[in-house]
């Protein structure tokens, strides 16, 4: 999706970001979410907004219990957070 957004922006006169940079930033963001931000948050919510409406994926209202609402998407996020192909 991000690659398509950049291509659209470039076609409208905006600046380009190389595809490898977009991919690297995506995986870095996923990794930072799982490894850095979630562990220090008292409450958090992950939402998939790639479709028509918002879809709650996972949440925690305290630091001890995680409520997984969409296991397939959450598993993908966890897998991507450990993706060694895009280490930085």
N, C-alpha and C. Protein backbone atom coordinates (compact mmCIF):
# COMPACT_ATOMS: atom_id res chain seq x y z
N UNK A 1 0.81 -1.19 0.00
CA UNK A 1 0.00 0.00 0.00
C UNK A 1 0.85 1.26 0.00
N UNK A 2 1.88 1.28 0.81
CA UNK A 2 2.73 2.47 0.89
C UNK A 2 3.44 2.72 -0.43
N UNK A 3 3.86 1.65 -1.08
CA UNK A 3 4.54 1.79 -2.37
C UNK A 3 3.59 2.40 -3.39
N UNK A 4 2.34 1.95 -3.38
CA UNK A 4 1.34 2.52 -4.29
C UNK A 4 1.07 3.99 -3.98
N UNK A 5 1.01 4.33 -2.68
CA UNK A 5 0.77 5.73 -2.30
C UNK A 5 1.90 6.63 -2.79
N UNK A 6 3.14 6.16 -2.66
CA UNK A 6 4.28 6.96 -3.12
C UNK A 6 4.23 7.12 -4.63
N UNK A 7 3.91 6.04 -5.35
CA UNK A 7 3.82 6.12 -6.81
C UNK A 7 2.75 7.13 -7.23
N UNK A 8 1.63 7.12 -6.54
CA UNK A 8 0.56 8.09 -6.84
C UNK A 8 1.04 9.51 -6.56
N UNK A 9 1.72 9.68 -5.44
CA UNK A 9 2.23 11.02 -5.08
C UNK A 9 3.22 11.51 -6.13
N UNK A 10 4.11 10.64 -6.59
CA UNK A 10 5.10 11.02 -7.60
C UNK A 10 4.40 11.40 -8.90
N UNK A 11 3.37 10.63 -9.28
CA UNK A 11 2.65 10.94 -10.52
C UNK A 11 1.92 12.28 -10.45
N UNK A 12 1.69 12.76 -9.22
CA UNK A 12 1.04 14.05 -9.03
C UNK A 12 2.04 15.16 -8.73
N UNK A 13 3.34 14.87 -8.93
CA UNK A 13 4.37 15.88 -8.77
C UNK A 13 5.08 15.86 -7.43
N UNK A 14 4.75 14.91 -6.57
CA UNK A 14 5.38 14.82 -5.25
C UNK A 14 6.73 14.13 -5.30
N UNK A 15 7.36 14.05 -4.15
CA UNK A 15 8.70 13.47 -4.08
C UNK A 15 8.64 11.94 -3.98
N UNK A 16 9.70 11.32 -4.44
CA UNK A 16 9.81 9.87 -4.46
C UNK A 16 10.55 9.37 -3.22
N UNK A 17 10.22 8.17 -2.80
CA UNK A 17 10.98 7.44 -1.79
C UNK A 17 11.29 6.09 -2.42
N UNK A 18 12.55 5.67 -2.44
CA UNK A 18 12.90 4.39 -3.06
C UNK A 18 12.14 3.23 -2.39
N UNK A 19 11.78 2.26 -3.21
CA UNK A 19 11.00 1.12 -2.73
C UNK A 19 11.69 0.38 -1.59
N UNK A 20 13.01 0.22 -1.67
CA UNK A 20 13.72 -0.49 -0.60
C UNK A 20 13.63 0.27 0.73
N UNK A 21 13.58 1.59 0.66
CA UNK A 21 13.45 2.40 1.88
C UNK A 21 12.05 2.24 2.47
N UNK A 22 11.04 2.22 1.62
CA UNK A 22 9.66 2.02 2.10
C UNK A 22 9.55 0.68 2.81
N UNK A 23 10.08 -0.36 2.20
CA UNK A 23 10.02 -1.71 2.78
C UNK A 23 10.78 -1.76 4.09
N UNK A 24 11.97 -1.19 4.12
CA UNK A 24 12.78 -1.19 5.35
C UNK A 24 12.04 -0.46 6.48
N UNK A 25 11.47 0.68 6.16
CA UNK A 25 10.75 1.45 7.18
C UNK A 25 9.51 0.70 7.68
N UNK A 26 8.84 -0.01 6.80
CA UNK A 26 7.67 -0.79 7.21
C UNK A 26 8.07 -1.83 8.26
N UNK A 27 9.08 -2.63 7.94
CA UNK A 27 9.50 -3.67 8.87
C UNK A 27 10.09 -3.09 10.15
N UNK A 28 10.77 -1.98 10.04
CA UNK A 28 11.30 -1.33 11.25
C UNK A 28 10.15 -0.86 12.14
N UNK A 29 9.12 -0.31 11.56
CA UNK A 29 7.96 0.13 12.32
C UNK A 29 7.27 -1.02 13.04
N UNK A 30 7.10 -2.14 12.34
CA UNK A 30 6.48 -3.32 12.96
C UNK A 30 7.36 -3.81 14.11
N UNK A 31 8.65 -3.90 13.87
CA UNK A 31 9.58 -4.35 14.91
C UNK A 31 9.57 -3.42 16.11
N UNK A 32 9.58 -2.12 15.87
CA UNK A 32 9.55 -1.15 16.97
C UNK A 32 8.26 -1.27 17.77
N UNK A 33 7.14 -1.47 17.08
CA UNK A 33 5.86 -1.64 17.78
C UNK A 33 5.94 -2.80 18.77
N UNK A 34 6.38 -3.95 18.30
CA UNK A 34 6.38 -5.16 19.12
C UNK A 34 7.48 -5.12 20.18
N UNK A 35 8.66 -4.68 19.81
CA UNK A 35 9.82 -4.81 20.71
C UNK A 35 10.05 -3.59 21.61
N UNK A 36 9.63 -2.41 21.16
CA UNK A 36 9.91 -1.20 21.94
C UNK A 36 8.67 -0.58 22.58
N UNK A 37 7.63 -0.37 21.79
CA UNK A 37 6.51 0.43 22.26
C UNK A 37 5.50 -0.34 23.10
N UNK A 38 5.07 -1.51 22.64
CA UNK A 38 4.09 -2.28 23.41
C UNK A 38 4.60 -2.59 24.82
N UNK A 39 5.87 -2.99 24.99
CA UNK A 39 6.33 -3.30 26.35
C UNK A 39 6.28 -2.13 27.34
N UNK A 40 6.26 -0.90 26.85
CA UNK A 40 6.27 0.23 27.77
C UNK A 40 4.91 0.93 27.88
N UNK A 41 3.91 0.39 27.20
CA UNK A 41 2.57 1.00 27.23
C UNK A 41 1.68 0.32 28.26
N UNK A 42 0.92 1.11 28.98
CA UNK A 42 -0.08 0.56 29.89
C UNK A 42 -1.28 0.04 29.12
N UNK A 43 -1.67 0.76 28.07
CA UNK A 43 -2.79 0.37 27.22
C UNK A 43 -2.39 0.58 25.77
N UNK A 44 -2.84 -0.31 24.91
CA UNK A 44 -2.57 -0.15 23.48
C UNK A 44 -3.63 -0.88 22.67
N UNK A 45 -3.73 -0.50 21.39
CA UNK A 45 -4.70 -1.08 20.48
C UNK A 45 -4.09 -1.07 19.08
N UNK A 46 -4.14 -2.22 18.41
CA UNK A 46 -3.66 -2.32 17.03
C UNK A 46 -4.90 -2.43 16.14
N UNK A 47 -4.97 -1.56 15.15
CA UNK A 47 -6.12 -1.51 14.25
C UNK A 47 -5.65 -1.70 12.82
N UNK A 48 -6.34 -2.57 12.09
CA UNK A 48 -6.09 -2.75 10.66
C UNK A 48 -7.04 -1.81 9.93
N UNK A 49 -6.49 -0.83 9.26
CA UNK A 49 -7.32 0.13 8.53
C UNK A 49 -7.08 0.04 7.02
N UNK A 50 -6.69 -1.15 6.54
CA UNK A 50 -6.42 -1.31 5.11
C UNK A 50 -7.69 -1.53 4.31
N UNK A 51 -8.79 -1.87 4.96
CA UNK A 51 -10.05 -2.12 4.27
C UNK A 51 -10.98 -0.94 4.36
N UNK A 52 -12.25 -1.23 4.22
CA UNK A 52 -13.27 -0.18 4.23
C UNK A 52 -13.42 0.43 5.61
N UNK A 53 -13.44 -0.40 6.64
CA UNK A 53 -13.59 0.11 8.00
C UNK A 53 -12.44 -0.32 8.88
N UNK A 54 -12.42 0.22 10.08
CA UNK A 54 -11.38 -0.15 11.05
C UNK A 54 -11.67 -1.54 11.60
N UNK A 55 -10.63 -2.34 11.74
CA UNK A 55 -10.75 -3.70 12.25
C UNK A 55 -9.79 -3.86 13.42
N UNK A 56 -10.32 -4.06 14.62
CA UNK A 56 -9.48 -4.24 15.79
C UNK A 56 -8.75 -5.57 15.69
N UNK A 57 -7.43 -5.55 15.88
CA UNK A 57 -6.59 -6.74 15.75
C UNK A 57 -6.20 -7.28 17.11
N UNK A 58 -5.69 -6.42 17.96
CA UNK A 58 -5.25 -6.84 19.30
C UNK A 58 -5.25 -5.62 20.21
N UNK A 59 -5.36 -5.89 21.51
CA UNK A 59 -5.35 -4.79 22.47
C UNK A 59 -4.91 -5.29 23.83
N UNK A 60 -4.52 -4.34 24.65
CA UNK A 60 -4.24 -4.63 26.04
C UNK A 60 -4.68 -3.44 26.87
N UNK A 61 -5.37 -3.72 27.94
CA UNK A 61 -5.82 -2.65 28.83
C UNK A 61 -4.95 -2.56 30.07
N UNK A 62 -4.01 -3.48 30.17
CA UNK A 62 -3.00 -3.44 31.23
C UNK A 62 -1.73 -4.05 30.64
N UNK A 63 -0.69 -4.15 31.40
CA UNK A 63 0.57 -4.65 30.85
C UNK A 63 0.69 -6.17 30.90
N UNK A 64 -0.35 -6.87 31.31
CA UNK A 64 -0.21 -8.30 31.56
C UNK A 64 -1.05 -9.18 30.64
N UNK A 65 -2.16 -8.70 30.16
CA UNK A 65 -3.06 -9.52 29.37
C UNK A 65 -3.28 -8.90 27.99
N UNK A 66 -3.06 -9.70 26.95
CA UNK A 66 -3.28 -9.26 25.58
C UNK A 66 -4.54 -9.95 25.06
N UNK A 67 -5.43 -9.19 24.49
CA UNK A 67 -6.65 -9.72 23.90
C UNK A 67 -6.47 -9.72 22.38
N UNK A 68 -6.35 -10.91 21.80
CA UNK A 68 -6.16 -11.06 20.36
C UNK A 68 -7.53 -11.20 19.71
N UNK A 69 -7.87 -10.29 18.83
CA UNK A 69 -9.18 -10.28 18.19
C UNK A 69 -9.13 -10.86 16.78
N UNK A 70 -8.03 -10.71 16.10
CA UNK A 70 -7.83 -11.24 14.74
C UNK A 70 -6.49 -11.98 14.73
N UNK A 71 -6.52 -13.25 15.08
CA UNK A 71 -5.29 -14.03 15.27
C UNK A 71 -4.44 -14.10 14.01
N UNK A 72 -5.06 -14.23 12.84
CA UNK A 72 -4.28 -14.35 11.61
C UNK A 72 -3.47 -13.09 11.34
N UNK A 73 -4.07 -11.93 11.53
CA UNK A 73 -3.36 -10.67 11.31
C UNK A 73 -2.30 -10.47 12.38
N UNK A 74 -2.63 -10.75 13.63
CA UNK A 74 -1.67 -10.60 14.72
C UNK A 74 -0.45 -11.51 14.50
N UNK A 75 -0.69 -12.75 14.07
CA UNK A 75 0.42 -13.67 13.80
C UNK A 75 1.32 -13.13 12.69
N UNK A 76 0.72 -12.53 11.67
CA UNK A 76 1.51 -11.92 10.60
C UNK A 76 2.38 -10.79 11.14
N UNK A 77 1.80 -9.96 11.98
CA UNK A 77 2.56 -8.85 12.58
C UNK A 77 3.73 -9.39 13.40
N UNK A 78 3.48 -10.41 14.22
CA UNK A 78 4.56 -10.99 15.02
C UNK A 78 5.64 -11.59 14.15
N UNK A 79 5.24 -12.28 13.09
CA UNK A 79 6.22 -12.86 12.16
C UNK A 79 7.04 -11.77 11.50
N UNK A 80 6.39 -10.70 11.06
CA UNK A 80 7.10 -9.61 10.40
C UNK A 80 8.03 -8.88 11.35
N UNK A 81 7.72 -8.87 12.62
CA UNK A 81 8.59 -8.18 13.59
C UNK A 81 9.91 -8.90 13.77
N UNK A 82 9.97 -10.16 13.38
CA UNK A 82 11.21 -10.94 13.49
C UNK A 82 11.84 -11.21 12.14
N UNK A 83 11.41 -10.52 11.09
CA UNK A 83 11.89 -10.77 9.74
C UNK A 83 13.33 -10.30 9.58
N UNK A 84 14.23 -11.26 9.46
CA UNK A 84 15.66 -10.92 9.36
C UNK A 84 16.04 -10.39 7.99
N UNK A 85 15.16 -10.53 7.00
CA UNK A 85 15.47 -10.04 5.66
C UNK A 85 15.62 -8.52 5.66
N UNK A 86 14.93 -7.84 6.54
CA UNK A 86 14.95 -6.38 6.55
C UNK A 86 15.51 -5.84 7.85
N UNK A 87 16.57 -6.45 8.34
CA UNK A 87 17.23 -5.94 9.55
C UNK A 87 17.81 -4.56 9.25
N UNK A 88 17.89 -3.73 10.24
CA UNK A 88 18.43 -2.38 10.06
C UNK A 88 19.59 -2.15 10.98
